[in-house]
Amino acid sequence: MVGNDDILLTVGLNDTNIGLTTNAERLGPSQRPFRFRFSDFNGGFEIDYESHGSSLGAVVRSPLVGERWELA
């Protein structure tokens, strides 16, 4: 895979699409497939605990300042 390859994420049990929600670019269920780039997972996302005020975090889009993620 190379950085400009498209990646589609789904939840395996029910094939729910995962995409960016309208709320602060959080990842979550999406009505339509959302095309990520493979390069997005090289520092493009992070876990945001601040906005929830608890130990429960949300994955948010943070281009160039996030963490590296591995797809398994």
N, C-alpha and C. Protein backbone atom coordinates (compact mmCIF):
# COMPACT_ATOMS: atom_id res chain seq x y z
N MET A 1 0.85 -1.18 0.00
CA MET A 1 0.00 0.00 0.00
C MET A 1 0.89 1.24 0.00
N VAL A 2 0.38 2.27 -0.63
CA VAL A 2 1.08 3.55 -0.67
C VAL A 2 0.17 4.62 -0.11
N GLY A 3 0.73 5.77 0.20
CA GLY A 3 0.01 6.83 0.89
C GLY A 3 -1.26 7.32 0.23
N ASN A 4 -1.33 7.28 -1.10
CA ASN A 4 -2.54 7.81 -1.74
C ASN A 4 -3.57 6.73 -2.06
N ASP A 5 -3.37 5.50 -1.55
CA ASP A 5 -4.39 4.45 -1.68
C ASP A 5 -5.61 4.79 -0.83
N ASP A 6 -6.80 4.48 -1.34
CA ASP A 6 -8.04 4.70 -0.59
C ASP A 6 -8.29 3.58 0.40
N ILE A 7 -8.79 3.93 1.59
CA ILE A 7 -9.13 2.98 2.65
C ILE A 7 -10.59 3.23 3.04
N LEU A 8 -11.39 2.19 3.09
CA LEU A 8 -12.76 2.27 3.60
C LEU A 8 -12.83 1.47 4.89
N LEU A 9 -13.38 2.04 5.95
CA LEU A 9 -13.49 1.37 7.24
C LEU A 9 -14.94 0.99 7.50
N THR A 10 -15.15 -0.25 7.96
CA THR A 10 -16.48 -0.71 8.36
C THR A 10 -16.35 -1.52 9.63
N VAL A 11 -17.44 -1.58 10.38
CA VAL A 11 -17.53 -2.46 11.54
C VAL A 11 -17.93 -3.82 11.00
N GLY A 12 -17.13 -4.85 11.28
CA GLY A 12 -17.29 -6.15 10.65
C GLY A 12 -18.60 -6.87 10.87
N LEU A 13 -19.20 -6.77 12.03
CA LEU A 13 -20.39 -7.56 12.32
C LEU A 13 -21.62 -7.11 11.53
N ASN A 14 -21.76 -5.81 11.33
CA ASN A 14 -22.97 -5.34 10.65
C ASN A 14 -22.66 -4.43 9.46
N ASP A 15 -21.42 -4.37 9.05
CA ASP A 15 -20.98 -3.58 7.91
C ASP A 15 -21.36 -2.10 8.00
N THR A 16 -21.35 -1.54 9.20
CA THR A 16 -21.59 -0.11 9.39
C THR A 16 -20.36 0.65 8.91
N ASN A 17 -20.57 1.67 8.09
CA ASN A 17 -19.47 2.49 7.61
C ASN A 17 -18.94 3.37 8.73
N ILE A 18 -17.64 3.62 8.71
CA ILE A 18 -17.01 4.54 9.65
C ILE A 18 -16.50 5.72 8.84
N GLY A 19 -16.82 6.92 9.32
CA GLY A 19 -16.39 8.13 8.64
C GLY A 19 -16.26 9.27 9.61
N LEU A 20 -16.05 10.47 9.09
CA LEU A 20 -15.95 11.65 9.94
C LEU A 20 -17.36 12.18 10.21
N THR A 21 -17.66 12.42 11.47
CA THR A 21 -18.94 13.00 11.82
C THR A 21 -18.85 14.52 11.69
N THR A 22 -19.94 15.18 11.78
CA THR A 22 -19.93 16.64 11.67
C THR A 22 -19.47 17.32 12.95
N ASN A 23 -19.32 16.55 14.01
CA ASN A 23 -18.95 17.10 15.32
C ASN A 23 -17.44 17.04 15.52
N ALA A 24 -16.74 18.10 15.20
CA ALA A 24 -15.31 18.23 15.47
C ALA A 24 -14.46 17.17 14.80
N GLU A 25 -14.90 16.69 13.65
CA GLU A 25 -14.15 15.71 12.88
C GLU A 25 -13.85 14.43 13.65
N ARG A 26 -14.79 13.99 14.44
CA ARG A 26 -14.66 12.71 15.15
C ARG A 26 -15.00 11.57 14.21
N LEU A 27 -14.36 10.43 14.44
CA LEU A 27 -14.72 9.23 13.71
C LEU A 27 -15.92 8.59 14.35
N GLY A 28 -16.83 8.10 13.55
CA GLY A 28 -18.01 7.44 14.06
C GLY A 28 -18.81 6.83 12.94
N PRO A 29 -20.00 6.30 13.25
CA PRO A 29 -20.85 5.70 12.23
C PRO A 29 -21.23 6.73 11.16
N SER A 30 -21.25 6.28 9.93
CA SER A 30 -21.54 7.17 8.82
C SER A 30 -22.54 6.49 7.89
N GLN A 31 -23.47 7.25 7.33
CA GLN A 31 -24.46 6.70 6.42
C GLN A 31 -23.82 6.21 5.12
N ARG A 32 -22.81 6.91 4.66
CA ARG A 32 -22.15 6.56 3.41
C ARG A 32 -20.69 6.24 3.65
N PRO A 33 -20.09 5.42 2.80
CA PRO A 33 -18.65 5.14 2.95
C PRO A 33 -17.84 6.43 2.87
N PHE A 34 -16.82 6.52 3.68
CA PHE A 34 -15.93 7.67 3.69
C PHE A 34 -14.55 7.19 3.25
N ARG A 35 -13.99 7.80 2.25
CA ARG A 35 -12.69 7.38 1.73
C ARG A 35 -11.57 8.11 2.46
N PHE A 36 -10.83 7.34 3.25
CA PHE A 36 -9.61 7.85 3.86
C PHE A 36 -8.47 7.55 2.91
N ARG A 37 -7.38 8.24 3.07
CA ARG A 37 -6.13 7.91 2.38
C ARG A 37 -5.29 7.09 3.35
N PHE A 38 -4.52 6.16 2.83
CA PHE A 38 -3.65 5.36 3.68
C PHE A 38 -2.72 6.27 4.47
N SER A 39 -2.28 7.36 3.87
CA SER A 39 -1.39 8.31 4.56
C SER A 39 -2.06 9.00 5.75
N ASP A 40 -3.40 9.03 5.79
CA ASP A 40 -4.10 9.62 6.94
C ASP A 40 -3.75 8.91 8.25
N PHE A 41 -3.39 7.65 8.16
CA PHE A 41 -3.11 6.86 9.36
C PHE A 41 -1.66 6.98 9.81
N ASN A 42 -0.91 7.85 9.16
CA ASN A 42 0.47 8.14 9.55
C ASN A 42 0.51 9.53 10.18
N GLY A 43 -0.12 9.65 11.33
CA GLY A 43 -0.12 10.91 12.06
C GLY A 43 -1.34 11.78 11.85
N GLY A 44 -2.42 11.23 11.33
CA GLY A 44 -3.59 12.04 11.04
C GLY A 44 -4.71 11.98 12.05
N PHE A 45 -4.61 11.10 13.07
CA PHE A 45 -5.67 10.95 14.05
C PHE A 45 -5.10 10.87 15.46
N GLU A 46 -5.89 11.26 16.42
CA GLU A 46 -5.49 11.13 17.82
C GLU A 46 -6.74 10.89 18.67
N ILE A 47 -6.52 10.52 19.93
CA ILE A 47 -7.63 10.31 20.87
C ILE A 47 -7.81 11.61 21.65
N ASP A 48 -9.03 12.11 21.65
CA ASP A 48 -9.36 13.36 22.33
C ASP A 48 -10.15 13.05 23.60
N TYR A 49 -9.55 13.30 24.75
CA TYR A 49 -10.22 13.10 26.03
C TYR A 49 -10.79 14.41 26.56
N GLU A 50 -10.25 15.52 26.09
CA GLU A 50 -10.60 16.83 26.63
C GLU A 50 -12.08 17.18 26.48
N SER A 51 -12.64 16.93 25.33
CA SER A 51 -13.99 17.42 25.08
C SER A 51 -15.07 16.61 25.79
N HIS A 52 -14.73 15.45 26.31
CA HIS A 52 -15.74 14.64 27.00
C HIS A 52 -15.71 14.84 28.51
N GLY A 53 -14.60 15.32 29.04
CA GLY A 53 -14.50 15.53 30.47
C GLY A 53 -14.47 14.25 31.27
N SER A 54 -14.13 13.13 30.64
CA SER A 54 -14.05 11.87 31.36
C SER A 54 -12.92 11.03 30.77
N SER A 55 -12.82 9.80 31.19
CA SER A 55 -11.77 8.93 30.68
C SER A 55 -12.16 8.30 29.33
N LEU A 56 -13.36 8.59 28.86
CA LEU A 56 -13.80 8.08 27.57
C LEU A 56 -13.36 9.04 26.48
N GLY A 57 -12.60 8.54 25.51
CA GLY A 57 -12.08 9.40 24.46
C GLY A 57 -12.76 9.16 23.13
N ALA A 58 -12.48 10.03 22.20
CA ALA A 58 -13.00 9.92 20.84
C ALA A 58 -11.84 10.04 19.88
N VAL A 59 -11.89 9.31 18.78
CA VAL A 59 -10.87 9.43 17.76
C VAL A 59 -11.23 10.64 16.90
N VAL A 60 -10.31 11.58 16.79
CA VAL A 60 -10.55 12.80 16.02
C VAL A 60 -9.47 12.97 14.96
N ARG A 61 -9.82 13.65 13.91
CA ARG A 61 -8.87 13.93 12.84
C ARG A 61 -7.96 15.06 13.28
N SER A 62 -6.65 14.84 13.20
CA SER A 62 -5.66 15.84 13.57
C SER A 62 -4.50 15.76 12.58
N PRO A 63 -4.69 16.24 11.37
CA PRO A 63 -3.64 16.11 10.36
C PRO A 63 -2.29 16.64 10.82
N LEU A 64 -1.27 15.82 10.63
CA LEU A 64 0.13 16.13 10.89
C LEU A 64 0.50 16.29 12.37
N VAL A 65 -0.45 16.17 13.29
CA VAL A 65 -0.10 16.27 14.71
C VAL A 65 -0.58 15.06 15.51
N GLY A 66 -1.24 14.14 14.85
CA GLY A 66 -1.75 12.97 15.53
C GLY A 66 -0.71 11.87 15.67
N GLU A 67 -1.17 10.69 15.98
CA GLU A 67 -0.30 9.53 16.18
C GLU A 67 -0.36 8.62 14.96
N ARG A 68 0.63 7.74 14.85
CA ARG A 68 0.61 6.73 13.80
C ARG A 68 -0.30 5.61 14.22
N TRP A 69 -1.11 5.12 13.29
CA TRP A 69 -2.04 4.01 13.54
C TRP A 69 -1.70 2.86 12.62
N GLU A 70 -1.88 1.66 13.10
CA GLU A 70 -1.68 0.48 12.28
C GLU A 70 -3.04 -0.14 11.96
N LEU A 71 -3.23 -0.54 10.72
CA LEU A 71 -4.45 -1.24 10.33
C LEU A 71 -4.19 -2.73 10.45
N ALA A 72 -5.06 -3.41 11.16
CA ALA A 72 -4.85 -4.85 11.36
C ALA A 72 -6.04 -5.63 10.84
